[in-house]
Amino acid sequence: MIFDTHAHVLSADRDTYPFSTLRGGARPPVAAVVYPVEQLVADMDEHGISQACLVQRATLYGYDNSYLLDAAARHPGRFAAVAVLDAQDPASPAELERLGAQQRLGGLRLVAPRLTENDTSWLDSPQALCLWDVAQRAGLRVAVILYRRNHAAGSAALAGLARRFTELPIILDHCALPHPSTPEMAFAASEGIAYTIVGGPEFGIDAALGPFADLPHVRFKVTDINFDRLNGAGQDSAEFVRALADRFGAGRFGMGFRCRAKPGALRRKGRPPAACGGRIVGQRTCCVPVGECSSALRGPNSRWVTLPRPLPRCLTQRARGVGGGGCRCCLAR
């Protein structure tokens, strides 16, 4: 079974599902693409993806999770919904409890409403802590996205939260590395900000993620944002994945393909990467050996994504005796 940890869906019906904004802040510039759940299901079927996390696209829908939840409800058992709520809204803890009771909610996603450098109130204010507490009591996962601009302050705040909520699985979207997203790149260009990408062999992993090294309930989600920034800087994404596995082990990170971000990406790149992160599509791959993946993705580590069953073991082409220097890693029964 292949499981995509990060898929966005965007409806063409703007009347029923209008775009919204995050609280009080200007959104990064994003294209108003259309990628309905029906297209996602068709693409998943075509490429052998069994299940996925539907992640709220906050830069287009803000805190209105209507389409996300309706899309997941139309395909029960296929998707786990990851909703975005305003952690500083006093109504959000009750809303999270309601969603957890009524929906197949996989988790909560927290996003900074403004691209400010040092404000972490959206993450760790007294009001925000109430939402974290509800998530932990409900057995949900919390995914956090940090932008390049707020990375230093956000990482420090998040490390403190991880030490406080030790029973709560926490997922760092886009690996919490200072790899700016495409919208943030456009924002930076408009502000005259120049970003550089740290290259191999270490890729800045220890500096960015070192504070989470002794917090095994914190996991890292690698996406095409990481690959695009590294590839654009002339770096080998395969070496990056290998360095991440060497530093934290294969069980601490997963793959999110974000096929909605680039409509047609599945068709262009072929079969998408798997949740264990051992395969990178469209380029030379590193090998995260079968022993690493299979041991890491079973047992308690399977808690890092919401599935109706534990994650099965991981196989690679090399383990099956398929020739060639690369490996193809998938989650397979």
C-alpha atoms as a PDB file:
ATOM      1  CA  MET A   1       0.000   0.000   0.000  1.00  0.00           C
ATOM      2  CA  ILE A   2       1.213   3.513  -0.853  1.00  0.00           C
ATOM      3  CA  PHE A   3       0.074   6.348   1.418  1.00  0.00           C
ATOM      4  CA  ASP A   4       0.488  10.031   0.505  1.00  0.00           C
ATOM      5  CA  THR A   5       0.886  12.136   3.638  1.00  0.00           C
ATOM      6  CA  HIS A   6       0.163  15.515   2.017  1.00  0.00           C
ATOM      7  CA  ALA A   7      -2.529  16.115  -0.623  1.00  0.00           C
ATOM      8  CA  HIS A   8      -4.498  19.321  -1.181  1.00  0.00           C
ATOM      9  CA  VAL A   9      -7.886  19.492  -2.909  1.00  0.00           C
ATOM     10  CA  LEU A  10      -9.354  22.669  -4.401  1.00  0.00           C
ATOM     11  CA  SER A  11     -12.931  22.923  -5.632  1.00  0.00           C
ATOM     12  CA  ALA A  12     -14.070  24.560  -8.854  1.00  0.00           C
ATOM     13  CA  ASP A  13     -17.316  25.546  -7.100  1.00  0.00           C
ATOM     14  CA  ARG A  14     -16.381  28.974  -5.746  1.00  0.00           C
ATOM     15  CA  ASP A  15     -19.969  29.722  -4.684  1.00  0.00           C
ATOM     16  CA  THR A  16     -20.215  26.761  -2.314  1.00  0.00           C
ATOM     17  CA  TYR A  17     -16.556  26.829  -1.327  1.00  0.00           C
ATOM     18  CA  PRO A  18     -15.344  30.441  -1.556  1.00  0.00           C
ATOM     19  CA  PHE A  19     -11.744  31.372  -0.948  1.00  0.00           C
ATOM     20  CA  SER A  20     -10.940  32.851   2.423  1.00  0.00           C
ATOM     21  CA  THR A  21      -7.969  34.382   4.245  1.00  0.00           C
ATOM     22  CA  LEU A  22      -6.079  33.663   7.396  1.00  0.00           C
ATOM     23  CA  ARG A  23      -6.943  35.914  10.308  1.00  0.00           C
ATOM     24  CA  GLY A  24      -6.018  39.517   9.721  1.00  0.00           C
ATOM     25  CA  GLY A  25      -3.071  38.847   7.464  1.00  0.00           C
ATOM     26  CA  ALA A  26      -2.190  39.131   3.814  1.00  0.00           C
ATOM     27  CA  ARG A  27      -1.796  35.816   2.084  1.00  0.00           C
ATOM     28  CA  PRO A  28       1.325  34.874   0.183  1.00  0.00           C
ATOM     29  CA  PRO A  29       0.557  35.048  -3.558  1.00  0.00           C
ATOM     30  CA  VAL A  30      -0.765  31.690  -4.722  1.00  0.00           C
ATOM     31  CA  ALA A  31      -2.350  30.626  -7.971  1.00  0.00           C
ATOM     32  CA  ALA A  32      -6.053  29.859  -7.843  1.00  0.00           C
ATOM     33  CA  VAL A  33      -5.646  26.332  -9.197  1.00  0.00           C
ATOM     34  CA  VAL A  34      -8.489  23.806  -9.311  1.00  0.00           C
ATOM     35  CA  TYR A  35      -7.876  20.253  -8.155  1.00  0.00           C
ATOM     36  CA  PRO A  36     -11.141  18.627  -7.002  1.00  0.00           C
ATOM     37  CA  VAL A  37     -11.201  15.490  -4.913  1.00  0.00           C
ATOM     38  CA  GLU A  38     -12.593  13.519  -7.855  1.00  0.00           C
ATOM     39  CA  GLN A  39      -9.425  14.256  -9.821  1.00  0.00           C
ATOM     40  CA  LEU A  40      -7.272  13.306  -6.856  1.00  0.00           C
ATOM     41  CA  VAL A  41      -9.081   9.978  -6.531  1.00  0.00           C
ATOM     42  CA  ALA A  42      -8.638   9.309 -10.254  1.00  0.00           C
ATOM     43  CA  ASP A  43      -4.931  10.118 -10.075  1.00  0.00           C
ATOM     44  CA  MET A  44      -4.503   7.983  -6.967  1.00  0.00           C
ATOM     45  CA  ASP A  45      -6.228   5.041  -8.654  1.00  0.00           C
ATOM     46  CA  GLU A  46      -4.100   5.437 -11.754  1.00  0.00           C
ATOM     47  CA  HIS A  47      -0.861   5.423  -9.811  1.00  0.00           C
ATOM     48  CA  GLY A  48      -1.665   2.869  -7.131  1.00  0.00           C
ATOM     49  CA  ILE A  49      -2.032   5.177  -4.130  1.00  0.00           C
ATOM     50  CA  SER A  50      -4.352   3.593  -1.601  1.00  0.00           C
ATOM     51  CA  GLN A  51      -4.917   6.383   0.914  1.00  0.00           C
ATOM     52  CA  ALA A  52      -3.914   9.957   1.649  1.00  0.00           C
ATOM     53  CA  CYS A  53      -4.063  12.783   4.141  1.00  0.00           C
ATOM     54  CA  LEU A  54      -6.128  15.684   2.825  1.00  0.00           C
ATOM     55  CA  VAL A  55      -4.397  18.768   4.163  1.00  0.00           C
ATOM     56  CA  GLN A  56      -6.210  22.100   4.293  1.00  0.00           C
ATOM     57  CA  ARG A  57      -4.749  24.647   1.848  1.00  0.00           C
ATOM     58  CA  ALA A  58      -4.710  27.553   4.257  1.00  0.00           C
ATOM     59  CA  THR A  59      -3.426  30.132   1.778  1.00  0.00           C
ATOM     60  CA  LEU A  60      -6.590  29.730  -0.290  1.00  0.00           C
ATOM     61  CA  TYR A  61      -9.276  28.538   2.134  1.00  0.00           C
ATOM     62  CA  GLY A  62      -7.953  30.012   5.371  1.00  0.00           C
ATOM     63  CA  TYR A  63      -9.723  28.522   8.388  1.00  0.00           C
ATOM     64  CA  ASP A  64     -12.773  27.406   6.391  1.00  0.00           C
ATOM     65  CA  ASN A  65     -12.331  23.628   6.222  1.00  0.00           C
ATOM     66  CA  SER A  66     -15.664  22.976   4.483  1.00  0.00           C
ATOM     67  CA  TYR A  67     -14.361  21.528   1.237  1.00  0.00           C
ATOM     68  CA  LEU A  68     -11.646  19.512   2.957  1.00  0.00           C
ATOM     69  CA  LEU A  69     -14.169  17.845   5.269  1.00  0.00           C
ATOM     70  CA  ASP A  70     -16.809  17.329   2.571  1.00  0.00           C
ATOM     71  CA  ALA A  71     -14.215  15.785   0.251  1.00  0.00           C
ATOM     72  CA  ALA A  72     -13.057  13.358   2.931  1.00  0.00           C
ATOM     73  CA  ALA A  73     -16.659  12.452   3.808  1.00  0.00           C
ATOM     74  CA  ARG A  74     -17.414  11.558   0.179  1.00  0.00           C
ATOM     75  CA  HIS A  75     -14.738   8.861   0.259  1.00  0.00           C
ATOM     76  CA  PRO A  76     -14.877   7.244   3.697  1.00  0.00           C
ATOM     77  CA  GLY A  77     -11.849   5.126   4.528  1.00  0.00           C
ATOM     78  CA  ARG A  78      -9.797   6.684   1.739  1.00  0.00           C
ATOM     79  CA  PHE A  79      -8.772   9.961   3.332  1.00  0.00           C
ATOM     80  CA  ALA A  80      -7.847  11.406   6.695  1.00  0.00           C
ATOM     81  CA  ALA A  81      -8.557  15.133   6.944  1.00  0.00           C
ATOM     82  CA  VAL A  82      -6.043  17.553   8.471  1.00  0.00           C
ATOM     83  CA  ALA A  83      -7.865  20.775   9.334  1.00  0.00           C
ATOM     84  CA  VAL A  84      -6.451  24.259   9.896  1.00  0.00           C
ATOM     85  CA  LEU A  85      -7.795  26.241  12.865  1.00  0.00           C
ATOM     86  CA  ASP A  86      -6.855  29.581  14.378  1.00  0.00           C
ATOM     87  CA  ALA A  87      -5.067  28.674  17.607  1.00  0.00           C
ATOM     88  CA  GLN A  88      -5.711  32.159  18.983  1.00  0.00           C
ATOM     89  CA  ASP A  89      -9.478  31.969  18.467  1.00  0.00           C
ATOM     90  CA  PRO A  90     -11.201  31.046  21.776  1.00  0.00           C
ATOM     91  CA  ALA A  91     -13.754  29.053  19.761  1.00  0.00           C
ATOM     92  CA  SER A  92     -11.148  26.763  18.156  1.00  0.00           C
ATOM     93  CA  PRO A  93     -10.763  24.206  21.015  1.00  0.00           C
ATOM     94  CA  ALA A  94     -14.497  23.467  20.965  1.00  0.00           C
ATOM     95  CA  GLU A  95     -14.462  23.329  17.168  1.00  0.00           C
ATOM     96  CA  LEU A  96     -11.616  20.817  17.214  1.00  0.00           C
ATOM     97  CA  GLU A  97     -13.499  18.666  19.707  1.00  0.00           C
ATOM     98  CA  ARG A  98     -16.593  18.825  17.477  1.00  0.00           C
ATOM     99  CA  LEU A  99     -14.660  17.918  14.339  1.00  0.00           C
ATOM    100  CA  GLY A 100     -12.893  15.078  16.112  1.00  0.00           C
ATOM    101  CA  ALA A 101     -16.211  13.642  17.264  1.00  0.00           C
ATOM    102  CA  GLN A 102     -18.089  14.034  13.973  1.00  0.00           C
ATOM    103  CA  GLN A 103     -15.472  13.666  11.246  1.00  0.00           C
ATOM    104  CA  ARG A 104     -12.708  11.208  10.395  1.00  0.00           C
ATOM    105  CA  LEU A 105     -10.230  13.852  11.429  1.00  0.00           C
ATOM    106  CA  GLY A 106      -6.601  12.841  11.132  1.00  0.00           C
ATOM    107  CA  GLY A 107      -5.034  15.892  12.640  1.00  0.00           C
ATOM    108  CA  LEU A 108      -4.693  19.623  13.095  1.00  0.00           C
ATOM    109  CA  ARG A 109      -2.472  21.950  11.084  1.00  0.00           C
ATOM    110  CA  LEU A 110      -1.171  25.223  12.490  1.00  0.00           C
ATOM    111  CA  VAL A 111      -0.127  28.009  10.141  1.00  0.00           C
ATOM    112  CA  ALA A 112       1.153  31.504  10.890  1.00  0.00           C
ATOM    113  CA  PRO A 113      -1.468  34.027   9.737  1.00  0.00           C
ATOM    114  CA  ARG A 114       1.220  36.587   8.891  1.00  0.00           C
ATOM    115  CA  LEU A 115       4.758  36.287   7.555  1.00  0.00           C
ATOM    116  CA  THR A 116       6.360  38.009  10.530  1.00  0.00           C
ATOM    117  CA  GLU A 117       9.796  37.141  11.842  1.00  0.00           C
ATOM    118  CA  ASN A 118       9.459  36.786  15.613  1.00  0.00           C
ATOM    119  CA  ASP A 119       5.758  36.461  16.463  1.00  0.00           C
ATOM    120  CA  THR A 120       4.950  32.946  17.710  1.00  0.00           C
ATOM    121  CA  SER A 121       1.649  33.764  19.409  1.00  0.00           C
ATOM    122  CA  TRP A 122      -0.150  31.770  16.703  1.00  0.00           C
ATOM    123  CA  LEU A 123       1.746  28.734  17.982  1.00  0.00           C
ATOM    124  CA  ASP A 124       2.429  29.006  21.718  1.00  0.00           C
ATOM    125  CA  SER A 125       0.261  31.770  23.236  1.00  0.00           C
ATOM    126  CA  PRO A 126      -1.826  30.827  26.310  1.00  0.00           C
ATOM    127  CA  GLN A 127      -4.873  30.564  24.057  1.00  0.00           C
ATOM    128  CA  ALA A 128      -2.986  28.397  21.570  1.00  0.00           C
ATOM    129  CA  LEU A 129      -1.980  26.012  24.367  1.00  0.00           C
ATOM    130  CA  CYS A 130      -5.663  25.236  24.910  1.00  0.00           C
ATOM    131  CA  LEU A 131      -5.877  23.930  21.339  1.00  0.00           C
ATOM    132  CA  TRP A 132      -2.725  21.849  21.781  1.00  0.00           C
ATOM    133  CA  ASP A 133      -4.227  20.335  24.917  1.00  0.00           C
ATOM    134  CA  VAL A 134      -7.447  19.366  23.103  1.00  0.00           C
ATOM    135  CA  ALA A 135      -5.428  17.756  20.296  1.00  0.00           C
ATOM    136  CA  GLN A 136      -3.430  15.683  22.760  1.00  0.00           C
ATOM    137  CA  ARG A 137      -6.518  14.555  24.672  1.00  0.00           C
ATOM    138  CA  ALA A 138      -8.264  13.671  21.414  1.00  0.00           C
ATOM    139  CA  GLY A 139      -5.312  11.570  20.204  1.00  0.00           C
ATOM    140  CA  LEU A 140      -4.830  13.701  17.084  1.00  0.00           C
ATOM    141  CA  ARG A 141      -1.630  14.688  15.331  1.00  0.00           C
ATOM    142  CA  VAL A 142      -0.504  18.294  15.000  1.00  0.00           C
ATOM    143  CA  ALA A 143       1.271  19.408  11.832  1.00  0.00           C
ATOM    144  CA  VAL A 144       3.101  22.740  11.895  1.00  0.00           C
ATOM    145  CA  ILE A 145       4.310  24.687   8.901  1.00  0.00           C
ATOM    146  CA  LEU A 146       7.162  27.121   9.408  1.00  0.00           C
ATOM    147  CA  TYR A 147       8.112  29.631   6.758  1.00  0.00           C
ATOM    148  CA  ARG A 148      11.643  30.744   6.036  1.00  0.00           C
ATOM    149  CA  ARG A 149      10.997  34.130   7.599  1.00  0.00           C
ATOM    150  CA  ASN A 150       9.701  32.821  10.945  1.00  0.00           C
ATOM    151  CA  HIS A 151      11.817  29.699  11.042  1.00  0.00           C
ATOM    152  CA  ALA A 152      14.201  30.551  13.878  1.00  0.00           C
ATOM    153  CA  ALA A 153      11.574  31.818  16.322  1.00  0.00           C
ATOM    154  CA  GLY A 154       9.057  29.174  15.296  1.00  0.00           C
ATOM    155  CA  SER A 155      11.484  26.292  15.721  1.00  0.00           C
ATOM    156  CA  ALA A 156      12.458  27.451  19.209  1.00  0.00           C
ATOM    157  CA  ALA A 157       8.800  27.778  20.240  1.00  0.00           C
ATOM    158  CA  LEU A 158       7.927  24.413  18.734  1.00  0.00           C
ATOM    159  CA  ALA A 159      10.768  22.641  20.541  1.00  0.00           C
ATOM    160  CA  GLY A 160       9.379  23.951  23.810  1.00  0.00           C
ATOM    161  CA  LEU A 161       5.887  22.760  22.896  1.00  0.00           C
ATOM    162  CA  ALA A 162       7.227  19.315  21.972  1.00  0.00           C
ATOM    163  CA  ARG A 163       8.808  18.985  25.401  1.00  0.00           C
ATOM    164  CA  ARG A 164       5.512  19.931  26.994  1.00  0.00           C
ATOM    165  CA  PHE A 165       3.200  17.717  24.900  1.00  0.00           C
ATOM    166  CA  THR A 166       5.241  14.532  24.892  1.00  0.00           C
ATOM    167  CA  GLU A 167       2.287  12.239  24.144  1.00  0.00           C
ATOM    168  CA  LEU A 168       1.260  14.192  21.064  1.00  0.00           C
ATOM    169  CA  PRO A 169       2.639  13.183  17.654  1.00  0.00           C
ATOM    170  CA  ILE A 170       3.948  16.351  15.996  1.00  0.00           C
ATOM    171  CA  ILE A 171       4.720  16.578  12.287  1.00  0.00           C
ATOM    172  CA  LEU A 172       6.903  19.315  10.828  1.00  0.00           C
ATOM    173  CA  ASP A 173       5.591  20.116   7.364  1.00  0.00           C
ATOM    174  CA  HIS A 174       8.179  20.458   4.609  1.00  0.00           C
ATOM    175  CA  CYS A 175      10.701  19.067   7.079  1.00  0.00           C
ATOM    176  CA  ALA A 176      10.813  22.402   8.973  1.00  0.00           C
ATOM    177  CA  LEU A 177      13.936  23.220   7.029  1.00  0.00           C
ATOM    178  CA  PRO A 178      14.424  26.780   5.785  1.00  0.00           C
ATOM    179  CA  HIS A 179      13.383  25.844   2.254  1.00  0.00           C
ATOM    180  CA  PRO A 180      10.895  28.570   1.255  1.00  0.00           C
ATOM    181  CA  SER A 181       7.741  27.529  -0.558  1.00  0.00           C
ATOM    182  CA  THR A 182       6.984  28.843  -4.046  1.00  0.00           C
ATOM    183  CA  PRO A 183       4.525  31.456  -2.677  1.00  0.00           C
ATOM    184  CA  GLU A 184       7.091  32.581  -0.129  1.00  0.00           C
ATOM    185  CA  MET A 185       9.725  32.832  -2.834  1.00  0.00           C
ATOM    186  CA  ALA A 186       7.418  35.220  -4.663  1.00  0.00           C
ATOM    187  CA  PHE A 187       6.775  37.109  -1.434  1.00  0.00           C
ATOM    188  CA  ALA A 188      10.523  37.351  -0.767  1.00  0.00           C
ATOM    189  CA  ALA A 189      11.162  38.644  -4.268  1.00  0.00           C
ATOM    190  CA  SER A 190       8.541  41.362  -3.780  1.00  0.00           C
ATOM    191  CA  GLU A 191      10.247  42.373  -0.518  1.00  0.00           C
ATOM    192  CA  GLY A 192      13.770  42.277  -1.912  1.00  0.00           C
ATOM    193  CA  ILE A 193      14.743  39.305   0.279  1.00  0.00           C
ATOM    194  CA  ALA A 194      17.392  36.921  -1.077  1.00  0.00           C
ATOM    195  CA  TYR A 195      17.305  33.339   0.181  1.00  0.00           C
ATOM    196  CA  THR A 196      20.163  30.866  -0.003  1.00  0.00           C
ATOM    197  CA  ILE A 197      19.836  27.098   0.356  1.00  0.00           C
ATOM    198  CA  VAL A 198      22.325  25.176   2.492  1.00  0.00           C
ATOM    199  CA  GLY A 199      23.816  22.308   0.521  1.00  0.00           C
ATOM    200  CA  GLY A 200      25.399  18.952   1.237  1.00  0.00           C
ATOM    201  CA  PRO A 201      26.742  16.963   2.748  1.00  0.00           C
ATOM    202  CA  GLU A 202      24.836  18.087   5.846  1.00  0.00           C
ATOM    203  CA  PHE A 203      22.232  20.406   4.240  1.00  0.00           C
ATOM    204  CA  GLY A 204      21.773  22.381   7.442  1.00  0.00           C
ATOM    205  CA  ILE A 205      19.811  19.479   8.944  1.00  0.00           C
ATOM    206  CA  ASP A 206      21.501  19.548  12.330  1.00  0.00           C
ATOM    207  CA  ALA A 207      21.137  23.298  12.757  1.00  0.00           C
ATOM    208  CA  ALA A 208      17.460  23.266  11.809  1.00  0.00           C
ATOM    209  CA  LEU A 209      16.297  19.978  13.307  1.00  0.00           C
ATOM    210  CA  GLY A 210      18.892  19.271  15.991  1.00  0.00           C
ATOM    211  CA  PRO A 211      16.650  20.632  18.793  1.00  0.00           C
ATOM    212  CA  PHE A 212      14.190  17.832  17.989  1.00  0.00           C
ATOM    213  CA  ALA A 213      16.737  15.018  17.971  1.00  0.00           C
ATOM    214  CA  ASP A 214      15.791  13.698  21.412  1.00  0.00           C
ATOM    215  CA  LEU A 215      12.050  14.106  20.826  1.00  0.00           C
ATOM    216  CA  PRO A 216      11.004  10.927  19.003  1.00  0.00           C
ATOM    217  CA  HIS A 217       7.349  11.966  18.839  1.00  0.00           C
ATOM    218  CA  VAL A 218       8.371  14.757  16.464  1.00  0.00           C
ATOM    219  CA  ARG A 219       8.461  13.626  12.825  1.00  0.00           C
ATOM    220  CA  PHE A 220       9.498  15.363   9.597  1.00  0.00           C
ATOM    221  CA  LYS A 221       7.449  15.464   6.405  1.00  0.00           C
ATOM    222  CA  VAL A 222       9.527  15.824   3.240  1.00  0.00           C
ATOM    223  CA  THR A 223       7.735  17.278   0.220  1.00  0.00           C
ATOM    224  CA  ASP A 224       8.420  18.532  -3.275  1.00  0.00           C
ATOM    225  CA  ILE A 225       9.092  21.982  -1.779  1.00  0.00           C
ATOM    226  CA  ASN A 226      12.297  20.594  -0.294  1.00  0.00           C
ATOM    227  CA  PHE A 227      13.210  18.905  -3.569  1.00  0.00           C
ATOM    228  CA  ASP A 228      12.436  21.969  -5.700  1.00  0.00           C
ATOM    229  CA  ARG A 229      14.527  24.305  -3.565  1.00  0.00           C
ATOM    230  CA  LEU A 230      17.437  21.862  -3.430  1.00  0.00           C
ATOM    231  CA  ASN A 231      17.290  21.065  -7.125  1.00  0.00           C
ATOM    232  CA  GLY A 232      17.056  24.765  -7.948  1.00  0.00           C
ATOM    233  CA  ALA A 233      20.239  25.327  -5.948  1.00  0.00           C
ATOM    234  CA  GLY A 234      22.031  22.551  -7.817  1.00  0.00           C
ATOM    235  CA  GLN A 235      21.895  20.147  -4.865  1.00  0.00           C
ATOM    236  CA  ASP A 236      21.140  16.425  -4.977  1.00  0.00           C
ATOM    237  CA  SER A 237      17.841  15.728  -3.215  1.00  0.00           C
ATOM    238  CA  ALA A 238      18.749  12.067  -2.939  1.00  0.00           C
ATOM    239  CA  GLU A 239      21.768  12.934  -0.820  1.00  0.00           C
ATOM    240  CA  PHE A 240      19.506  15.112   1.316  1.00  0.00           C
ATOM    241  CA  VAL A 241      17.144  12.211   2.034  1.00  0.00           C
ATOM    242  CA  ARG A 242      20.099   9.972   2.806  1.00  0.00           C
ATOM    243  CA  ALA A 243      21.519  12.594   5.201  1.00  0.00           C
ATOM    244  CA  LEU A 244      18.138  12.919   6.909  1.00  0.00           C
ATOM    245  CA  ALA A 245      17.902   9.151   7.389  1.00  0.00           C
ATOM    246  CA  ASP A 246      21.458   8.980   8.685  1.00  0.00           C
ATOM    247  CA  ARG A 247      20.762  11.700  11.238  1.00  0.00           C
ATOM    248  CA  PHE A 248      17.338  10.615  12.510  1.00  0.00           C
ATOM    249  CA  GLY A 249      16.546   7.164  11.109  1.00  0.00           C
ATOM    250  CA  ALA A 250      13.971   6.273   8.469  1.00  0.00           C
ATOM    251  CA  GLY A 251      11.155   6.199  10.999  1.00  0.00           C
ATOM    252  CA  ARG A 252      11.342   9.910  11.713  1.00  0.00           C
ATOM    253  CA  PHE A 253      10.351  11.210   8.285  1.00  0.00           C
ATOM    254  CA  GLY A 254       7.721  10.623   5.629  1.00  0.00           C
ATOM    255  CA  MET A 255       6.820  11.758   2.120  1.00  0.00           C
ATOM    256  CA  GLY A 256       4.056  14.069   0.982  1.00  0.00           C
ATOM    257  CA  PHE A 257       3.709  14.367  -2.774  1.00  0.00           C
ATOM    258  CA  ARG A 258       1.410  17.453  -2.840  1.00  0.00           C
ATOM    259  CA  CYS A 259       0.069  16.458  -6.254  1.00  0.00           C
ATOM    260  CA  ARG A 260      -2.451  19.314  -6.164  1.00  0.00           C
ATOM    261  CA  ALA A 261       0.385  21.819  -6.049  1.00  0.00           C
ATOM    262  CA  LYS A 262       1.345  20.895  -9.583  1.00  0.00           C
ATOM    263  CA  PRO A 263      -1.674  19.571 -11.486  1.00  0.00           C
ATOM    264  CA  GLY A 264      -0.569  16.697 -13.659  1.00  0.00           C
ATOM    265  CA  ALA A 265       2.526  16.064 -11.562  1.00  0.00           C
ATOM    266  CA  LEU A 266       1.682  12.404 -11.154  1.00  0.00           C
ATOM    267  CA  ARG A 267       1.470  11.980 -14.892  1.00  0.00           C
ATOM    268  CA  ARG A 268       4.698  13.877 -15.511  1.00  0.00           C
ATOM    269  CA  LYS A 269       6.800  12.227 -12.867  1.00  0.00           C
ATOM    270  CA  GLY A 270       5.386   8.739 -12.792  1.00  0.00           C
ATOM    271  CA  ARG A 271       4.475   6.841  -9.677  1.00  0.00           C
ATOM    272  CA  PRO A 272       4.766   9.092  -6.625  1.00  0.00           C
ATOM    273  CA  PRO A 273       7.084   8.562  -3.677  1.00  0.00           C
ATOM    274  CA  ALA A 274       5.982   6.575  -0.681  1.00  0.00           C
ATOM    275  CA  ALA A 275       5.440   7.622   2.890  1.00  0.00           C
ATOM    276  CA  CYS A 276       8.799   6.339   4.042  1.00  0.00           C
ATOM    277  CA  GLY A 277      10.681   8.795   1.860  1.00  0.00           C
ATOM    278  CA  GLY A 278      13.085   6.275   0.389  1.00  0.00           C
ATOM    279  CA  ARG A 279      12.346   7.147  -3.209  1.00  0.00           C
ATOM    280  CA  ILE A 280      12.664  10.447  -4.996  1.00  0.00           C
ATOM    281  CA  VAL A 281      10.815  10.700  -8.286  1.00  0.00           C
ATOM    282  CA  GLY A 282      12.415  11.838 -11.491  1.00  0.00           C
ATOM    283  CA  GLN A 283      16.069  11.811 -10.526  1.00  0.00           C
ATOM    284  CA  ARG A 284      18.843   9.661  -9.092  1.00  0.00           C
ATOM    285  CA  THR A 285      17.701   8.119  -5.840  1.00  0.00           C
ATOM    286  CA  CYS A 286      19.422   7.293  -2.622  1.00  0.00           C
ATOM    287  CA  CYS A 287      18.849   3.942  -1.009  1.00  0.00           C
ATOM    288  CA  VAL A 288      17.198   3.797   2.370  1.00  0.00           C
ATOM    289  CA  PRO A 289      17.601   0.048   2.843  1.00  0.00           C
ATOM    290  CA  VAL A 290      14.727  -2.274   3.538  1.00  0.00           C
ATOM    291  CA  GLY A 291      15.943  -2.962   7.069  1.00  0.00           C
ATOM    292  CA  GLU A 292      15.744   0.685   8.002  1.00  0.00           C
ATOM    293  CA  CYS A 293      12.299   1.241   6.541  1.00  0.00           C
ATOM    294  CA  SER A 294      10.639  -1.973   7.663  1.00  0.00           C
ATOM    295  CA  SER A 295      11.780  -1.696  11.265  1.00  0.00           C
ATOM    296  CA  ALA A 296      11.040   2.011  11.437  1.00  0.00           C
ATOM    297  CA  LEU A 297       7.518   1.929  10.024  1.00  0.00           C
ATOM    298  CA  ARG A 298       6.107  -0.803  12.214  1.00  0.00           C
ATOM    299  CA  GLY A 299       5.049  -0.705  15.842  1.00  0.00           C
ATOM    300  CA  PRO A 300       4.807   2.611  17.675  1.00  0.00           C
ATOM    301  CA  ASN A 301       6.349   4.587  14.836  1.00  0.00           C
ATOM    302  CA  SER A 302       3.287   3.892  12.707  1.00  0.00           C
ATOM    303  CA  ARG A 303       1.472   6.446  14.883  1.00  0.00           C
ATOM    304  CA  TRP A 304       2.995   9.316  12.942  1.00  0.00           C
ATOM    305  CA  VAL A 305       0.283   9.189  10.277  1.00  0.00           C
ATOM    306  CA  THR A 306      -3.383   8.393  10.797  1.00  0.00           C
ATOM    307  CA  LEU A 307      -4.321   5.109   9.168  1.00  0.00           C
ATOM    308  CA  PRO A 308      -7.074   2.607   9.849  1.00  0.00           C
ATOM    309  CA  ARG A 309      -4.332   0.012  10.344  1.00  0.00           C
ATOM    310  CA  PRO A 310      -0.604   0.070  11.199  1.00  0.00           C
ATOM    311  CA  LEU A 311       1.734   0.947   8.385  1.00  0.00           C
ATOM    312  CA  PRO A 312       2.920  -2.208   6.611  1.00  0.00           C
ATOM    313  CA  ARG A 313       6.511  -3.041   5.931  1.00  0.00           C
ATOM    314  CA  CYS A 314       8.544  -1.310   3.282  1.00  0.00           C
ATOM    315  CA  LEU A 315      10.196  -3.066   0.371  1.00  0.00           C
ATOM    316  CA  THR A 316      12.775  -1.807  -2.067  1.00  0.00           C
ATOM    317  CA  GLN A 317      13.766  -2.938  -5.508  1.00  0.00           C
ATOM    318  CA  ARG A 318      17.262  -3.638  -4.276  1.00  0.00           C
ATOM    319  CA  ALA A 319      15.916  -5.848  -1.504  1.00  0.00           C
ATOM    320  CA  ARG A 320      13.930  -7.754  -4.101  1.00  0.00           C
ATOM    321  CA  GLY A 321      17.015  -8.209  -6.221  1.00  0.00           C
ATOM    322  CA  VAL A 322      16.078  -5.672  -8.876  1.00  0.00           C
ATOM    323  CA  GLY A 323      19.219  -4.420 -10.520  1.00  0.00           C
ATOM    324  CA  GLY A 324      20.530  -0.907 -10.889  1.00  0.00           C
ATOM    325  CA  GLY A 325      22.179   1.558  -8.598  1.00  0.00           C
ATOM    326  CA  GLY A 326      19.032   3.268  -7.333  1.00  0.00           C
ATOM    327  CA  CYS A 327      16.262   2.038  -5.135  1.00  0.00           C
ATOM    328  CA  ARG A 328      12.539   2.339  -5.406  1.00  0.00           C
ATOM    329  CA  CYS A 329      10.894   2.459  -2.040  1.00  0.00           C
ATOM    330  CA  CYS A 330       7.208   1.849  -1.497  1.00  0.00           C
ATOM    331  CA  LEU A 331       4.882   0.896   1.301  1.00  0.00           C
ATOM    332  CA  ALA A 332       3.737  -2.562   0.321  1.00  0.00           C
ATOM    333  CA  ARG A 333       1.746  -5.318   1.958  1.00  0.00           C
END
